Structures are given as C-alpha cells and as structure tokens.
Amino acid sequence: MILNTIELVARVAVVISLIFASVVALTHWAVRSRRLTPFGMWARAVRRISDPVVGTVERRVIRSGGNPQDAPLWLVGVVVAAGLVILSLLHWIIGVVGTMHYLVYAGPRAWLRVLVAGVFGLLMVALFVRVISSWIGLSLYSRVLRPVVLLTEWLLEPIRRRLPPFGMFDLSPMVAYLLLWIVRGVMLGAL
C-alpha cells in the first residue's frame, strides 16, 4: 500500500517535471523563432522560474563543447531519461519487496524458483552489460568488466567456436541470450 503510494507520487513528480521541461523548451523555441518576444510577460516568467535549472544544464553543455541554446532540449532529454530510470528502479524495488513478502510464507519450491530465476536474470543482465560495453568501447580487461566477463565467457566461448563468422558482427551474445531464455523457461516450468 505504501509502496504503491510512493510509486504514484514518483509518477506524478516525473510528469510534472516533464511538463515543466517541455514548457521551458517550447518557450525557448518560440523566442528563438520570434513567435514570442523575449521581453513579454510569459517569456520573462518562464525564464525567471527556469534559469537556475537551465543555467546548470547550459554550463554542462558548454563544457562539453555544445551549443548553449540547446540546453532546454537537453533538459527535456535528461528529465525523460532520469524519469525512466527512477520509475524503473522504483518498480523493481516494489517487485523485490513483493517477492520477499511472498517468500516469507512460501515453501522451498518457491525459494528454488526465485533462486533459479535470479541466477538466469543475473546472467542475462551480464550479457546485456557486456554487449553495451563493447559498443561504447570499454575494454573487457578493465576492472569494472571483469565480473561480467567471468559470468559470461563460459557461455560465449563455446558458442563462438561453433557459430560461423558473420564478418565484423559477433552474434554469440544473442545466441547465448536466446539459450538462457529457453533453458530458464524449461527449468522454471519443471519447478
């Protein structure tokens, strides 16, 4: 009950933040395209309210070598990304708490199902992290990725040996993910 209220409050906060960022971006666009005068009541009010937030984003954009006039668009993007991350994390926490509450009254079979699902979930997330890290150029030998390599290499190496080459594409993580998904379904179905 309390967690559902917290989730509802978080959703409302994210929606309000998105509306705020959208109003700021639209007002900024209207001033830049001369649909609104920069000295009008609406533009000044929006600027007065949003300057502390947009100023912070502007400084980050300038440090990154970007155009400071794009700061309101970056603000919308940050609000969308942060909102999705916050809501997803909150949803995950509520699921974990619900599962723990269920396991208090469950037998050993339910514990085994949760353990099997957790192990396969961890392996699937490790595969996903490994693929994303290769896209952004992180080394597999870095300290951060060593646990991910330990979790996935035992599965990827035999698949790579048997899979024919596809040029510069490595399809072994996709095949491994599919295999994990099938085996997880079979094992959870058997339990």
Protein backbone atom coordinates (compact mmCIF):
# COMPACT_ATOMS: atom_id res chain seq x y z
CA MET A 1 0.00 0.00 0.00
CA ILE A 2 2.73 2.46 0.99
CA LEU A 3 4.94 1.43 -1.92
CA ASN A 4 2.09 1.96 -4.39
CA THR A 5 1.59 5.46 -2.97
CA ILE A 6 5.31 6.17 -3.34
CA GLU A 7 5.19 4.93 -6.94
CA LEU A 8 2.18 7.14 -7.67
CA VAL A 9 3.93 10.18 -6.17
CA ALA A 10 7.05 9.42 -8.23
CA ARG A 11 4.98 9.14 -11.43
CA VAL A 12 3.27 12.46 -10.72
CA ALA A 13 6.65 14.11 -9.98
CA VAL A 14 8.10 12.79 -13.24
CA VAL A 15 5.09 14.00 -15.23
CA ILE A 16 5.23 17.45 -13.60
CA SER A 17 8.98 17.65 -14.31
CA LEU A 18 8.38 16.67 -17.93
CA ILE A 19 5.66 19.30 -18.31
CA PHE A 20 7.98 21.92 -16.80
CA ALA A 21 10.87 20.97 -19.10
CA SER A 22 8.56 20.92 -22.13
CA VAL A 23 7.15 24.38 -21.33
CA VAL A 24 10.69 25.72 -20.94
CA ALA A 25 11.83 24.14 -24.23
CA LEU A 26 8.75 25.32 -26.15
CA THR A 27 9.05 28.85 -24.77
CA HIS A 28 12.73 28.93 -25.63
CA TRP A 29 11.96 27.72 -29.16
CA ALA A 30 9.17 30.32 -29.56
CA VAL A 31 11.53 33.12 -28.50
CA ARG A 32 14.30 31.89 -30.83
CA SER A 33 11.91 31.62 -33.77
CA ARG A 34 10.44 35.08 -32.95
CA ARG A 35 6.95 33.81 -32.26
CA LEU A 36 7.25 35.31 -28.76
CA THR A 37 9.02 38.46 -27.73
CA PRO A 38 11.81 37.82 -25.21
CA PHE A 39 10.59 40.77 -23.14
CA GLY A 40 6.98 39.65 -22.90
CA MET A 41 5.37 38.62 -19.64
CA TRP A 42 5.27 34.86 -20.46
CA ALA A 43 8.87 34.60 -21.68
CA ARG A 44 10.21 36.56 -18.70
CA ALA A 45 8.20 34.50 -16.21
CA VAL A 46 9.38 31.21 -17.70
CA ARG A 47 12.95 32.44 -17.82
CA ARG A 48 12.80 33.63 -14.19
CA ILE A 49 11.47 30.27 -13.00
CA SER A 50 13.71 28.09 -15.16
CA ASP A 51 17.03 29.96 -15.09
CA PRO A 52 18.53 28.06 -12.13
CA VAL A 53 17.88 24.70 -13.81
CA VAL A 54 18.61 25.70 -17.40
CA GLY A 55 21.74 27.58 -16.32
CA THR A 56 23.17 24.40 -14.80
CA VAL A 57 22.41 22.42 -17.97
CA GLU A 58 23.83 25.25 -20.10
CA ARG A 59 27.15 25.18 -18.24
CA ARG A 60 27.41 21.40 -18.77
CA VAL A 61 26.61 21.77 -22.48
CA ILE A 62 29.24 24.50 -22.88
CA ARG A 63 31.86 22.37 -21.07
CA SER A 64 31.07 19.51 -23.45
CA GLY A 65 31.57 21.78 -26.46
CA GLY A 66 27.89 22.04 -27.37
CA ASN A 67 25.66 24.96 -28.23
CA PRO A 68 24.20 26.60 -25.09
CA GLN A 69 20.98 27.32 -26.96
CA ASP A 70 20.31 23.58 -26.97
CA ALA A 71 20.18 23.47 -23.15
CA PRO A 72 16.35 23.35 -22.95
CA LEU A 73 16.29 20.36 -25.29
CA TRP A 74 18.96 18.66 -23.18
CA LEU A 75 16.83 19.42 -20.14
CA VAL A 76 13.88 17.58 -21.69
CA GLY A 77 16.14 14.64 -22.56
CA VAL A 78 17.60 14.47 -19.05
CA VAL A 79 14.14 14.63 -17.48
CA VAL A 80 12.88 11.82 -19.73
CA ALA A 81 15.94 9.61 -19.11
CA ALA A 82 16.03 10.27 -15.36
CA GLY A 83 12.28 9.72 -15.10
CA LEU A 84 12.51 6.38 -16.86
CA VAL A 85 15.41 5.28 -14.68
CA ILE A 86 13.70 6.38 -11.45
CA LEU A 87 10.38 4.76 -12.31
CA SER A 88 12.06 1.55 -13.47
CA LEU A 89 14.17 1.36 -10.33
CA LEU A 90 11.14 2.03 -8.13
CA HIS A 91 9.13 -0.62 -9.98
CA TRP A 92 11.98 -3.09 -9.48
CA ILE A 93 12.19 -2.30 -5.75
CA ILE A 94 8.44 -2.82 -5.37
CA GLY A 95 8.76 -6.16 -7.16
CA VAL A 96 11.60 -7.27 -4.89
CA VAL A 97 9.70 -6.27 -1.77
CA GLY A 98 6.61 -8.09 -3.05
CA THR A 99 8.65 -11.20 -3.81
CA MET A 100 10.27 -11.13 -0.38
CA HIS A 101 6.84 -10.80 1.23
CA TYR A 102 5.63 -13.76 -0.82
CA LEU A 103 8.68 -15.85 0.08
CA VAL A 104 8.08 -15.38 3.81
CA TYR A 105 5.01 -17.58 3.53
CA ALA A 106 6.20 -19.83 0.69
CA GLY A 107 7.78 -23.25 0.73
CA PRO A 108 11.17 -24.43 -0.52
CA ARG A 109 9.89 -24.92 -4.08
CA ALA A 110 9.08 -21.21 -4.40
CA TRP A 111 12.50 -20.33 -2.97
CA LEU A 112 14.12 -22.58 -5.59
CA ARG A 113 12.10 -20.94 -8.39
CA VAL A 114 13.17 -17.47 -7.25
CA LEU A 115 16.80 -18.59 -6.97
CA VAL A 116 16.79 -20.10 -10.48
CA ALA A 117 15.07 -17.02 -11.93
CA GLY A 118 17.59 -14.77 -10.16
CA VAL A 119 20.62 -16.66 -11.48
CA PHE A 120 19.31 -16.59 -15.04
CA GLY A 121 18.37 -12.92 -14.67
CA LEU A 122 21.89 -12.11 -13.49
CA LEU A 123 23.42 -13.94 -16.46
CA MET A 124 21.12 -12.15 -18.91
CA VAL A 125 21.94 -8.74 -17.41
CA ALA A 126 25.67 -9.58 -17.57
CA LEU A 127 25.30 -10.41 -21.28
CA PHE A 128 23.48 -7.13 -21.86
CA VAL A 129 26.18 -5.15 -19.99
CA ARG A 130 28.89 -6.91 -22.00
CA VAL A 131 27.24 -6.01 -25.32
CA ILE A 132 26.64 -2.38 -24.32
CA SER A 133 30.21 -2.04 -23.02
CA SER A 134 31.57 -3.28 -26.35
CA TRP A 135 29.50 -0.65 -28.16
CA ILE A 136 30.94 2.19 -26.09
CA GLY A 137 34.48 0.85 -26.29
CA LEU A 138 35.14 -0.38 -22.75
CA SER A 139 37.90 -2.96 -22.50
CA LEU A 140 36.93 -6.43 -21.35
CA TYR A 141 40.05 -6.41 -19.21
CA SER A 142 39.06 -3.34 -17.21
CA ARG A 143 38.44 -3.78 -13.51
CA VAL A 144 34.75 -2.90 -13.89
CA LEU A 145 34.03 -5.56 -16.51
CA ARG A 146 36.00 -8.45 -15.00
CA PRO A 147 32.97 -9.85 -13.11
CA VAL A 148 30.85 -9.55 -16.25
CA VAL A 149 33.45 -11.45 -18.28
CA LEU A 150 33.64 -14.12 -15.58
CA LEU A 151 29.86 -14.52 -15.66
CA THR A 152 29.55 -14.72 -19.44
CA GLU A 153 32.73 -16.10 -21.00
CA TRP A 154 31.99 -19.72 -20.07
CA LEU A 155 28.84 -19.48 -22.20
CA LEU A 156 30.05 -17.25 -25.04
CA GLU A 157 33.32 -19.05 -25.88
CA PRO A 158 31.78 -22.42 -26.92
CA ILE A 159 29.11 -20.60 -28.94
CA ARG A 160 31.77 -18.55 -30.74
CA ARG A 161 33.67 -21.70 -31.66
CA ARG A 162 30.60 -23.34 -33.21
CA LEU A 163 28.99 -20.25 -34.78
CA PRO A 164 30.13 -19.41 -38.31
CA PRO A 165 31.68 -15.94 -38.69
CA PHE A 166 29.41 -13.08 -39.78
CA GLY A 167 32.02 -10.53 -40.73
CA MET A 168 32.55 -7.95 -38.03
CA PHE A 169 29.39 -8.96 -36.14
CA ASP A 170 29.58 -11.23 -33.10
CA LEU A 171 26.22 -12.94 -32.77
CA SER A 172 27.27 -15.15 -29.86
CA PRO A 173 25.71 -12.90 -27.16
CA MET A 174 22.37 -13.01 -28.98
CA VAL A 175 22.51 -16.81 -29.27
CA ALA A 176 23.58 -17.08 -25.62
CA TYR A 177 20.70 -14.85 -24.53
CA LEU A 178 18.24 -16.97 -26.51
CA LEU A 179 19.66 -20.18 -25.00
CA LEU A 180 19.45 -18.75 -21.48
CA TRP A 181 15.88 -17.66 -22.10
CA ILE A 182 14.86 -21.14 -23.33
CA VAL A 183 16.67 -23.01 -20.52
CA ARG A 184 15.20 -20.67 -17.91
CA GLY A 185 11.71 -21.29 -19.25
CA VAL A 186 12.21 -25.06 -19.23
CA MET A 187 13.67 -25.07 -15.71
CA LEU A 188 11.00 -22.79 -14.25
CA GLY A 189 8.33 -24.86 -15.98
CA ALA A 190 9.73 -28.01 -14.41
CA LEU A 191 9.68 -26.44 -10.95
